[in-house]
């Protein structure tokens, strides 16, 4: 294995571990969960977080509110480390809707 490949794999492992820990770490996860409900309330949205499956959060939202709900959830999750930690590389969150 080349040095460049070994370096890339090591870096990917650190980033992947951080991404998974960012959701799975109980205290941080609880902070995000605590922040999501008030953010949805401020936006006058009726979405509810139902559960967490590994590194995914599952929400239920009325059909007519989906387009307004996704950006709120995405913003809260991307800003989750702040103000405790300021990251040089921003978190990227993928949020999308699906029918059950």
PDB file of N, CA and C in Angstrom:
ATOM      1  N   UNK A   1       0.857  -1.172   0.000  1.00  0.00           N
ATOM      2  CA  UNK A   1       0.000   0.000   0.000  1.00  0.00           C
ATOM      3  C   UNK A   1       0.902   1.233   0.000  1.00  0.00           C
ATOM      4  N   UNK A   2       0.572   2.186  -0.851  1.00  0.00           N
ATOM      5  CA  UNK A   2       1.377   3.400  -0.941  1.00  0.00           C
ATOM      6  C   UNK A   2       1.131   4.283   0.269  1.00  0.00           C
ATOM      7  N   UNK A   3       2.065   5.178   0.521  1.00  0.00           N
ATOM      8  CA  UNK A   3       1.917   6.115   1.641  1.00  0.00           C
ATOM      9  C   UNK A   3       0.701   7.010   1.449  1.00  0.00           C
ATOM     10  N   UNK A   4       0.448   7.428   0.221  1.00  0.00           N
ATOM     11  CA  UNK A   4      -0.694   8.304  -0.051  1.00  0.00           C
ATOM     12  C   UNK A   4      -2.010   7.582   0.246  1.00  0.00           C
ATOM     13  N   UNK A   5      -2.099   6.311  -0.149  1.00  0.00           N
ATOM     14  CA  UNK A   5      -3.313   5.545   0.099  1.00  0.00           C
ATOM     15  C   UNK A   5      -3.503   5.313   1.600  1.00  0.00           C
ATOM     16  N   UNK A   6      -2.430   4.983   2.284  1.00  0.00           N
ATOM     17  CA  UNK A   6      -2.515   4.776   3.734  1.00  0.00           C
ATOM     18  C   UNK A   6      -2.947   6.062   4.438  1.00  0.00           C
ATOM     19  N   UNK A   7      -2.387   7.181   4.015  1.00  0.00           N
ATOM     20  CA  UNK A   7      -2.762   8.472   4.602  1.00  0.00           C
ATOM     21  C   UNK A   7      -4.241   8.766   4.357  1.00  0.00           C
ATOM     22  N   UNK A   8      -4.692   8.552   3.129  1.00  0.00           N
ATOM     23  CA  UNK A   8      -6.100   8.825   2.794  1.00  0.00           C
ATOM     24  C   UNK A   8      -7.034   7.938   3.604  1.00  0.00           C
ATOM     25  N   UNK A   9      -6.703   6.663   3.745  1.00  0.00           N
ATOM     26  CA  UNK A   9      -7.549   5.754   4.524  1.00  0.00           C
ATOM     27  C   UNK A   9      -7.574   6.150   6.001  1.00  0.00           C
ATOM     28  N   UNK A  10      -6.442   6.553   6.522  1.00  0.00           N
ATOM     29  CA  UNK A  10      -6.397   6.983   7.924  1.00  0.00           C
ATOM     30  C   UNK A  10      -7.236   8.233   8.124  1.00  0.00           C
ATOM     31  N   UNK A  11      -7.137   9.172   7.213  1.00  0.00           N
ATOM     32  CA  UNK A  11      -7.912  10.406   7.307  1.00  0.00           C
ATOM     33  C   UNK A  11      -9.407  10.120   7.173  1.00  0.00           C
ATOM     34  N   UNK A  12      -9.769   9.247   6.245  1.00  0.00           N
ATOM     35  CA  UNK A  12     -11.178   8.882   6.076  1.00  0.00           C
ATOM     36  C   UNK A  12     -11.719   8.208   7.326  1.00  0.00           C
ATOM     37  N   UNK A  13     -10.913   7.393   7.972  1.00  0.00           N
ATOM     38  CA  UNK A  13     -11.355   6.715   9.196  1.00  0.00           C
ATOM     39  C   UNK A  13     -11.646   7.724  10.305  1.00  0.00           C
ATOM     40  N   UNK A  14     -10.796   8.734  10.425  1.00  0.00           N
ATOM     41  CA  UNK A  14     -11.008   9.760  11.448  1.00  0.00           C
ATOM     42  C   UNK A  14     -12.278  10.549  11.151  1.00  0.00           C
ATOM     43  N   UNK A  15     -12.449  10.960   9.912  1.00  0.00           N
ATOM     44  CA  UNK A  15     -13.635  11.733   9.530  1.00  0.00           C
ATOM     45  C   UNK A  15     -14.888  10.896   9.734  1.00  0.00           C
ATOM     46  N   UNK A  16     -14.859   9.634   9.308  1.00  0.00           N
ATOM     47  CA  UNK A  16     -16.010   8.757   9.458  1.00  0.00           C
ATOM     48  C   UNK A  16     -16.339   8.541  10.934  1.00  0.00           C
ATOM     49  N   UNK A  17     -15.324   8.319  11.747  1.00  0.00           N
ATOM     50  CA  UNK A  17     -15.544   8.127  13.187  1.00  0.00           C
ATOM     51  C   UNK A  17     -16.155   9.374  13.803  1.00  0.00           C
ATOM     52  N   UNK A  18     -15.656  10.560  13.405  1.00  0.00           N
ATOM     53  CA  UNK A  18     -16.218  11.804  13.933  1.00  0.00           C
ATOM     54  C   UNK A  18     -17.669  11.961  13.523  1.00  0.00           C
ATOM     55  N   UNK A  19     -17.977  11.658  12.263  1.00  0.00           N
ATOM     56  CA  UNK A  19     -19.354  11.797  11.781  1.00  0.00           C
ATOM     57  C   UNK A  19     -20.293  10.878  12.547  1.00  0.00           C
ATOM     58  N   UNK A  20     -19.879   9.640  12.768  1.00  0.00           N
ATOM     59  CA  UNK A  20     -20.721   8.704  13.503  1.00  0.00           C
ATOM     60  C   UNK A  20     -20.833   9.094  14.966  1.00  0.00           C
ATOM     61  N   UNK A  21     -19.725   9.503  15.571  1.00  0.00           N
ATOM     62  CA  UNK A  21     -19.739   9.905  16.971  1.00  0.00           C
ATOM     63  C   UNK A  21     -20.570  11.156  17.150  1.00  0.00           C
ATOM     64  N   UNK A  22     -20.556  12.039  16.161  1.00  0.00           N
ATOM     65  CA  UNK A  22     -21.331  13.273  16.260  1.00  0.00           C
ATOM     66  C   UNK A  22     -22.806  13.010  16.439  1.00  0.00           C
ATOM     67  N   UNK A  23     -23.310  11.931  15.882  1.00  0.00           N
ATOM     68  CA  UNK A  23     -24.713  11.589  16.051  1.00  0.00           C
ATOM     69  C   UNK A  23     -24.896  10.650  17.231  1.00  0.00           C
ATOM     70  N   UNK A  24     -23.964   9.755  17.432  1.00  0.00           N
ATOM     71  CA  UNK A  24     -24.150   8.723  18.451  1.00  0.00           C
ATOM     72  C   UNK A  24     -23.774   9.170  19.859  1.00  0.00           C
ATOM     73  N   UNK A  25     -22.905  10.154  19.975  1.00  0.00           N
ATOM     74  CA  UNK A  25     -22.522  10.623  21.300  1.00  0.00           C
ATOM     75  C   UNK A  25     -23.771  11.111  22.013  1.00  0.00           C
ATOM     76  N   UNK A  26     -24.091  10.507  23.118  1.00  0.00           N
ATOM     77  CA  UNK A  26     -25.384  10.755  23.763  1.00  0.00           C
ATOM     78  C   UNK A  26     -25.582  12.213  24.133  1.00  0.00           C
ATOM     79  N   UNK A  27     -24.592  12.827  24.764  1.00  0.00           N
ATOM     80  CA  UNK A  27     -24.759  14.215  25.194  1.00  0.00           C
ATOM     81  C   UNK A  27     -24.964  15.129  23.995  1.00  0.00           C
ATOM     82  N   UNK A  28     -24.139  14.982  22.950  1.00  0.00           N
ATOM     83  CA  UNK A  28     -24.274  15.812  21.758  1.00  0.00           C
ATOM     84  C   UNK A  28     -25.590  15.537  21.044  1.00  0.00           C
ATOM     85  N   UNK A  29     -25.947  14.264  20.970  1.00  0.00           N
ATOM     86  CA  UNK A  29     -27.197  13.898  20.313  1.00  0.00           C
ATOM     87  C   UNK A  29     -28.371  14.512  21.061  1.00  0.00           C
ATOM     88  N   UNK A  30     -28.332  14.437  22.390  1.00  0.00           N
ATOM     89  CA  UNK A  30     -29.416  15.017  23.182  1.00  0.00           C
ATOM     90  C   UNK A  30     -29.503  16.518  22.959  1.00  0.00           C
ATOM     91  N   UNK A  31     -28.344  17.193  22.826  1.00  0.00           N
ATOM     92  CA  UNK A  31     -28.353  18.633  22.571  1.00  0.00           C
ATOM     93  C   UNK A  31     -29.020  18.935  21.239  1.00  0.00           C
ATOM     94  N   UNK A  32     -28.707  18.144  20.222  1.00  0.00           N
ATOM     95  CA  UNK A  32     -29.336  18.356  18.918  1.00  0.00           C
ATOM     96  C   UNK A  32     -30.833  18.089  19.002  1.00  0.00           C
ATOM     97  N   UNK A  33     -31.197  17.022  19.683  1.00  0.00           N
ATOM     98  CA  UNK A  33     -32.611  16.695  19.801  1.00  0.00           C
ATOM     99  C   UNK A  33     -33.348  17.791  20.570  1.00  0.00           C
ATOM    100  N   UNK A  34     -32.699  18.324  21.575  1.00  0.00           N
ATOM    101  CA  UNK A  34     -33.301  19.406  22.344  1.00  0.00           C
ATOM    102  C   UNK A  34     -33.446  20.648  21.482  1.00  0.00           C
ATOM    103  N   UNK A  35     -32.515  20.897  20.604  1.00  0.00           N
ATOM    104  CA  UNK A  35     -32.559  22.090  19.745  1.00  0.00           C
ATOM    105  C   UNK A  35     -33.565  21.969  18.609  1.00  0.00           C
ATOM    106  N   UNK A  36     -33.825  20.758  18.155  1.00  0.00           N
ATOM    107  CA  UNK A  36     -34.699  20.582  16.997  1.00  0.00           C
ATOM    108  C   UNK A  36     -36.139  20.965  17.322  1.00  0.00           C
ATOM    109  N   UNK A  37     -36.658  20.496  18.447  1.00  0.00           N
ATOM    110  CA  UNK A  37     -38.062  20.775  18.768  1.00  0.00           C
ATOM    111  C   UNK A  37     -38.350  22.271  18.865  1.00  0.00           C
ATOM    112  N   UNK A  38     -37.539  23.072  19.609  1.00  0.00           N
ATOM    113  CA  UNK A  38     -37.811  24.516  19.626  1.00  0.00           C
ATOM    114  C   UNK A  38     -37.672  25.173  18.257  1.00  0.00           C
ATOM    115  N   UNK A  39     -36.729  24.693  17.442  1.00  0.00           N
ATOM    116  CA  UNK A  39     -36.556  25.270  16.104  1.00  0.00           C
ATOM    117  C   UNK A  39     -37.792  25.012  15.247  1.00  0.00           C
ATOM    118  N   UNK A  40     -38.344  23.822  15.349  1.00  0.00           N
ATOM    119  CA  UNK A  40     -39.554  23.506  14.595  1.00  0.00           C
ATOM    120  C   UNK A  40     -40.743  24.318  15.119  1.00  0.00           C
ATOM    121  N   UNK A  41     -40.799  24.506  16.427  1.00  0.00           N
ATOM    122  CA  UNK A  41     -41.878  25.297  17.020  1.00  0.00           C
ATOM    123  C   UNK A  41     -41.786  26.751  16.584  1.00  0.00           C
ATOM    124  N   UNK A  42     -40.561  27.313  16.609  1.00  0.00           N
ATOM    125  CA  UNK A  42     -40.368  28.707  16.171  1.00  0.00           C
ATOM    126  C   UNK A  42     -40.787  28.890  14.716  1.00  0.00           C
ATOM    127  N   UNK A  43     -40.552  27.882  13.914  1.00  0.00           N
ATOM    128  CA  UNK A  43     -40.913  27.943  12.494  1.00  0.00           C
ATOM    129  C   UNK A  43     -42.385  27.589  12.269  1.00  0.00           C
ATOM    130  N   UNK A  44     -43.098  27.327  13.366  1.00  0.00           N
ATOM    131  CA  UNK A  44     -44.526  26.976  13.313  1.00  0.00           C
ATOM    132  C   UNK A  44     -44.770  25.736  12.442  1.00  0.00           C
ATOM    133  N   UNK A  45     -43.921  24.719  12.671  1.00  0.00           N
ATOM    134  CA  UNK A  45     -44.022  23.460  11.944  1.00  0.00           C
ATOM    135  C   UNK A  45     -44.478  22.355  12.888  1.00  0.00           C
ATOM    136  N   UNK A  46     -45.177  21.379  12.373  1.00  0.00           N
ATOM    137  CA  UNK A  46     -45.723  20.291  13.182  1.00  0.00           C
ATOM    138  C   UNK A  46     -44.944  18.989  13.061  1.00  0.00           C
ATOM    139  N   UNK A  47     -43.743  19.031  12.532  1.00  0.00           N
ATOM    140  CA  UNK A  47     -42.930  17.825  12.384  1.00  0.00           C
ATOM    141  C   UNK A  47     -42.506  17.322  13.762  1.00  0.00           C
ATOM    142  N   UNK A  48     -42.382  16.017  13.890  1.00  0.00           N
ATOM    143  CA  UNK A  48     -41.957  15.377  15.132  1.00  0.00           C
ATOM    144  C   UNK A  48     -40.853  14.377  14.823  1.00  0.00           C
ATOM    145  N   UNK A  49     -39.816  14.371  15.669  1.00  0.00           N
ATOM    146  CA  UNK A  49     -38.771  13.379  15.511  1.00  0.00           C
ATOM    147  C   UNK A  49     -39.276  12.075  16.111  1.00  0.00           C
ATOM    148  N   UNK A  50     -39.241  11.004  15.320  1.00  0.00           N
ATOM    149  CA  UNK A  50     -39.760   9.721  15.766  1.00  0.00           C
ATOM    150  C   UNK A  50     -38.688   8.834  16.373  1.00  0.00           C
ATOM    151  N   UNK A  51     -37.547   8.713  15.679  1.00  0.00           N
ATOM    152  CA  UNK A  51     -36.506   7.825  16.180  1.00  0.00           C
ATOM    153  C   UNK A  51     -35.177   8.078  15.502  1.00  0.00           C
ATOM    154  N   UNK A  52     -34.161   7.454  16.073  1.00  0.00           N
ATOM    155  CA  UNK A  52     -32.818   7.497  15.499  1.00  0.00           C
ATOM    156  C   UNK A  52     -32.436   6.076  15.122  1.00  0.00           C
ATOM    157  N   UNK A  53     -31.959   5.895  13.904  1.00  0.00           N
ATOM    158  CA  UNK A  53     -31.464   4.607  13.432  1.00  0.00           C
ATOM    159  C   UNK A  53     -30.030   4.833  12.988  1.00  0.00           C
ATOM    160  N   UNK A  54     -29.093   4.337  13.760  1.00  0.00           N
ATOM    161  CA  UNK A  54     -27.667   4.542  13.533  1.00  0.00           C
ATOM    162  C   UNK A  54     -27.379   6.037  13.414  1.00  0.00           C
ATOM    163  N   UNK A  55     -26.960   6.498  12.260  1.00  0.00           N
ATOM    164  CA  UNK A  55     -26.624   7.924  12.124  1.00  0.00           C
ATOM    165  C   UNK A  55     -27.724   8.699  11.404  1.00  0.00           C
ATOM    166  N   UNK A  56     -28.935   8.177  11.424  1.00  0.00           N
ATOM    167  CA  UNK A  56     -30.055   8.857  10.779  1.00  0.00           C
ATOM    168  C   UNK A  56     -31.123   9.198  11.801  1.00  0.00           C
ATOM    169  N   UNK A  57     -31.731  10.352  11.624  1.00  0.00           N
ATOM    170  CA  UNK A  57     -32.863  10.756  12.444  1.00  0.00           C
ATOM    171  C   UNK A  57     -34.097  10.690  11.560  1.00  0.00           C
ATOM    172  N   UNK A  58     -35.161  10.112  12.070  1.00  0.00           N
ATOM    173  CA  UNK A  58     -36.390   9.930  11.315  1.00  0.00           C
ATOM    174  C   UNK A  58     -37.454  10.868  11.878  1.00  0.00           C
ATOM    175  N   UNK A  59     -38.056  11.650  10.991  1.00  0.00           N
ATOM    176  CA  UNK A  59     -39.087  12.608  11.371  1.00  0.00           C
ATOM    177  C   UNK A  59     -40.387  12.271  10.662  1.00  0.00           C
ATOM    178  N   UNK A  60     -41.472  12.712  11.259  1.00  0.00           N
ATOM    179  CA  UNK A  60     -42.773  12.649  10.610  1.00  0.00           C
ATOM    180  C   UNK A  60     -43.259  14.084  10.474  1.00  0.00           C
ATOM    181  N   UNK A  61     -43.709  14.436   9.277  1.00  0.00           N
ATOM    182  CA  UNK A  61     -44.170  15.806   9.027  1.00  0.00           C
ATOM    183  C   UNK A  61     -45.387  15.766   8.120  1.00  0.00           C
ATOM    184  N   UNK A  62     -46.298  16.715   8.322  1.00  0.00           N
ATOM    185  CA  UNK A  62     -47.438  16.799   7.410  1.00  0.00           C
ATOM    186  C   UNK A  62     -46.942  17.045   5.982  1.00  0.00           C
ATOM    187  N   UNK A  63     -47.616  16.460   5.030  1.00  0.00           N
ATOM    188  CA  UNK A  63     -47.220  16.553   3.616  1.00  0.00           C
ATOM    189  C   UNK A  63     -46.979  17.995   3.171  1.00  0.00           C
ATOM    190  N   UNK A  64     -47.824  18.915   3.603  1.00  0.00           N
ATOM    191  CA  UNK A  64     -47.708  20.306   3.172  1.00  0.00           C
ATOM    192  C   UNK A  64     -46.575  21.080   3.820  1.00  0.00           C
ATOM    193  N   UNK A  65     -45.900  20.505   4.828  1.00  0.00           N
ATOM    194  CA  UNK A  65     -44.827  21.211   5.536  1.00  0.00           C
ATOM    195  C   UNK A  65     -43.432  20.681   5.223  1.00  0.00           C
ATOM    196  N   UNK A  66     -43.346  19.687   4.385  1.00  0.00           N
ATOM    197  CA  UNK A  66     -42.051  19.041   4.143  1.00  0.00           C
ATOM    198  C   UNK A  66     -41.013  20.019   3.609  1.00  0.00           C
ATOM    199  N   UNK A  67     -41.370  20.822   2.631  1.00  0.00           N
ATOM    200  CA  UNK A  67     -40.406  21.755   2.030  1.00  0.00           C
ATOM    201  C   UNK A  67     -39.912  22.794   3.031  1.00  0.00           C
ATOM    202  N   UNK A  68     -40.712  23.139   4.017  1.00  0.00           N
ATOM    203  CA  UNK A  68     -40.294  24.094   5.049  1.00  0.00           C
ATOM    204  C   UNK A  68     -39.540  23.404   6.182  1.00  0.00           C
ATOM    205  N   UNK A  69     -39.837  22.134   6.426  1.00  0.00           N
ATOM    206  CA  UNK A  69     -39.237  21.399   7.543  1.00  0.00           C
ATOM    207  C   UNK A  69     -37.798  20.986   7.261  1.00  0.00           C
ATOM    208  N   UNK A  70     -37.518  20.511   6.061  1.00  0.00           N
ATOM    209  CA  UNK A  70     -36.173  20.021   5.738  1.00  0.00           C
ATOM    210  C   UNK A  70     -35.073  21.051   6.006  1.00  0.00           C
ATOM    211  N   UNK A  71     -35.209  22.309   5.578  1.00  0.00           N
ATOM    212  CA  UNK A  71     -34.132  23.267   5.846  1.00  0.00           C
ATOM    213  C   UNK A  71     -33.938  23.562   7.338  1.00  0.00           C
ATOM    214  N   UNK A  72     -35.014  23.517   8.113  1.00  0.00           N
ATOM    215  CA  UNK A  72     -34.889  23.767   9.556  1.00  0.00           C
ATOM    216  C   UNK A  72     -34.084  22.646  10.205  1.00  0.00           C
ATOM    217  N   UNK A  73     -34.428  21.409   9.898  1.00  0.00           N
ATOM    218  CA  UNK A  73     -33.707  20.262  10.459  1.00  0.00           C
ATOM    219  C   UNK A  73     -32.251  20.294  10.018  1.00  0.00           C
ATOM    220  N   UNK A  74     -32.018  20.554   8.756  1.00  0.00           N
ATOM    221  CA  UNK A  74     -30.651  20.597   8.218  1.00  0.00           C
ATOM    222  C   UNK A  74     -29.822  21.661   8.925  1.00  0.00           C
ATOM    223  N   UNK A  75     -30.388  22.850   9.118  1.00  0.00           N
ATOM    224  CA  UNK A  75     -29.657  23.949   9.781  1.00  0.00           C
ATOM    225  C   UNK A  75     -29.306  23.575  11.222  1.00  0.00           C
ATOM    226  N   UNK A  76     -30.259  23.024  11.958  1.00  0.00           N
ATOM    227  CA  UNK A  76     -30.004  22.655  13.354  1.00  0.00           C
ATOM    228  C   UNK A  76     -28.896  21.610  13.429  1.00  0.00           C
ATOM    229  N   UNK A  77     -28.929  20.614  12.565  1.00  0.00           N
ATOM    230  CA  UNK A  77     -27.919  19.562  12.594  1.00  0.00           C
ATOM    231  C   UNK A  77     -26.546  20.078  12.182  1.00  0.00           C
ATOM    232  N   UNK A  78     -26.488  20.964  11.199  1.00  0.00           N
ATOM    233  CA  UNK A  78     -25.185  21.496  10.765  1.00  0.00           C
ATOM    234  C   UNK A  78     -24.585  22.421  11.809  1.00  0.00           C
ATOM    235  N   UNK A  79     -25.418  23.093  12.583  1.00  0.00           N
ATOM    236  CA  UNK A  79     -24.928  24.011  13.620  1.00  0.00           C
ATOM    237  C   UNK A  79     -24.796  23.325  14.977  1.00  0.00           C
ATOM    238  N   UNK A  80     -24.984  22.029  15.034  1.00  0.00           N
ATOM    239  CA  UNK A  80     -25.001  21.293  16.295  1.00  0.00           C
ATOM    240  C   UNK A  80     -23.748  21.468  17.161  1.00  0.00           C
ATOM    241  N   UNK A  81     -22.548  21.482  16.608  1.00  0.00           N
ATOM    242  CA  UNK A  81     -21.378  21.593  17.488  1.00  0.00           C
ATOM    243  C   UNK A  81     -21.213  22.978  18.119  1.00  0.00           C
ATOM    244  N   UNK A  82     -21.835  23.987  17.545  1.00  0.00           N
ATOM    245  CA  UNK A  82     -21.658  25.350  18.016  1.00  0.00           C
ATOM    246  C   UNK A  82     -22.545  25.632  19.216  1.00  0.00           C
ATOM    247  N   UNK A  83     -22.192  26.431  20.128  1.00  0.00           N
ATOM    248  CA  UNK A  83     -20.978  27.239  20.210  1.00  0.00           C
ATOM    249  C   UNK A  83     -19.814  26.529  20.888  1.00  0.00           C
ATOM    250  N   UNK A  84     -20.016  25.286  21.345  1.00  0.00           N
ATOM    251  CA  UNK A  84     -18.961  24.585  22.078  1.00  0.00           C
ATOM    252  C   UNK A  84     -17.731  24.336  21.218  1.00  0.00           C
ATOM    253  N   UNK A  85     -17.941  24.008  19.944  1.00  0.00           N
ATOM    254  CA  UNK A  85     -16.835  23.689  19.046  1.00  0.00           C
ATOM    255  C   UNK A  85     -17.056  24.421  17.738  1.00  0.00           C
ATOM    256  N   UNK A  86     -16.018  25.077  17.270  1.00  0.00           N
ATOM    257  CA  UNK A  86     -16.066  25.725  15.968  1.00  0.00           C
ATOM    258  C   UNK A  86     -15.217  24.889  15.011  1.00  0.00           C
ATOM    259  N   UNK A  87     -15.863  24.285  14.046  1.00  0.00           N
ATOM    260  CA  UNK A  87     -15.158  23.399  13.121  1.00  0.00           C
ATOM    261  C   UNK A  87     -14.603  24.176  11.936  1.00  0.00           C
ATOM    262  N   UNK A  88     -13.401  23.814  11.510  1.00  0.00           N
ATOM    263  CA  UNK A  88     -12.825  24.446  10.330  1.00  0.00           C
ATOM    264  C   UNK A  88     -13.484  23.919   9.064  1.00  0.00           C
ATOM    265  N   UNK A  89     -13.929  22.675   9.112  1.00  0.00           N
ATOM    266  CA  UNK A  89     -14.628  22.074   7.983  1.00  0.00           C
ATOM    267  C   UNK A  89     -16.088  21.924   8.408  1.00  0.00           C
ATOM    268  N   UNK A  90     -17.011  22.559   7.705  1.00  0.00           N
ATOM    269  CA  UNK A  90     -18.411  22.507   8.138  1.00  0.00           C
ATOM    270  C   UNK A  90     -19.012  21.104   8.000  1.00  0.00           C
ATOM    271  N   UNK A  91     -19.935  20.797   8.901  1.00  0.00           N
ATOM    272  CA  UNK A  91     -20.676  19.544   8.796  1.00  0.00           C
ATOM    273  C   UNK A  91     -21.630  19.646   7.621  1.00  0.00           C
ATOM    274  N   UNK A  92     -21.747  18.582   6.883  1.00  0.00           N
ATOM    275  CA  UNK A  92     -22.710  18.538   5.794  1.00  0.00           C
ATOM    276  C   UNK A  92     -23.791  17.537   6.165  1.00  0.00           C
ATOM    277  N   UNK A  93     -25.020  17.970   6.073  1.00  0.00           N
ATOM    278  CA  UNK A  93     -26.159  17.143   6.441  1.00  0.00           C
ATOM    279  C   UNK A  93     -27.000  16.894   5.205  1.00  0.00           C
ATOM    280  N   UNK A  94     -27.383  15.645   5.019  1.00  0.00           N
ATOM    281  CA  UNK A  94     -28.262  15.280   3.919  1.00  0.00           C
ATOM    282  C   UNK A  94     -29.656  15.084   4.496  1.00  0.00           C
ATOM    283  N   UNK A  95     -30.595  15.866   4.046  1.00  0.00           N
ATOM    284  CA  UNK A  95     -31.980  15.756   4.509  1.00  0.00           C
ATOM    285  C   UNK A  95     -32.886  15.592   3.306  1.00  0.00           C
ATOM    286  N   UNK A  96     -33.743  14.604   3.373  1.00  0.00           N
ATOM    287  CA  UNK A  96     -34.663  14.380   2.260  1.00  0.00           C
ATOM    288  C   UNK A  96     -35.939  13.736   2.780  1.00  0.00           C
ATOM    289  N   UNK A  97     -36.966  13.804   1.972  1.00  0.00           N
ATOM    290  CA  UNK A  97     -38.263  13.264   2.334  1.00  0.00           C
ATOM    291  C   UNK A  97     -38.547  11.996   1.542  1.00  0.00           C
ATOM    292  N   UNK A  98     -39.285  11.114   2.190  1.00  0.00           N
ATOM    293  CA  UNK A  98     -39.727   9.875   1.540  1.00  0.00           C
ATOM    294  C   UNK A  98     -41.083   9.486   2.100  1.00  0.00           C
ATOM    295  N   UNK A  99     -41.819   8.725   1.344  1.00  0.00           N
ATOM    296  CA  UNK A  99     -43.100   8.224   1.835  1.00  0.00           C
ATOM    297  C   UNK A  99     -42.845   6.937   2.592  1.00  0.00           C
ATOM    298  N   UNK A 100     -43.671   6.677   3.614  1.00  0.00           N
ATOM    299  CA  UNK A 100     -43.441   5.446   4.406  1.00  0.00           C
ATOM    300  C   UNK A 100     -44.066   4.240   3.783  1.00  0.00           C
TER     301      UNK A 100
END
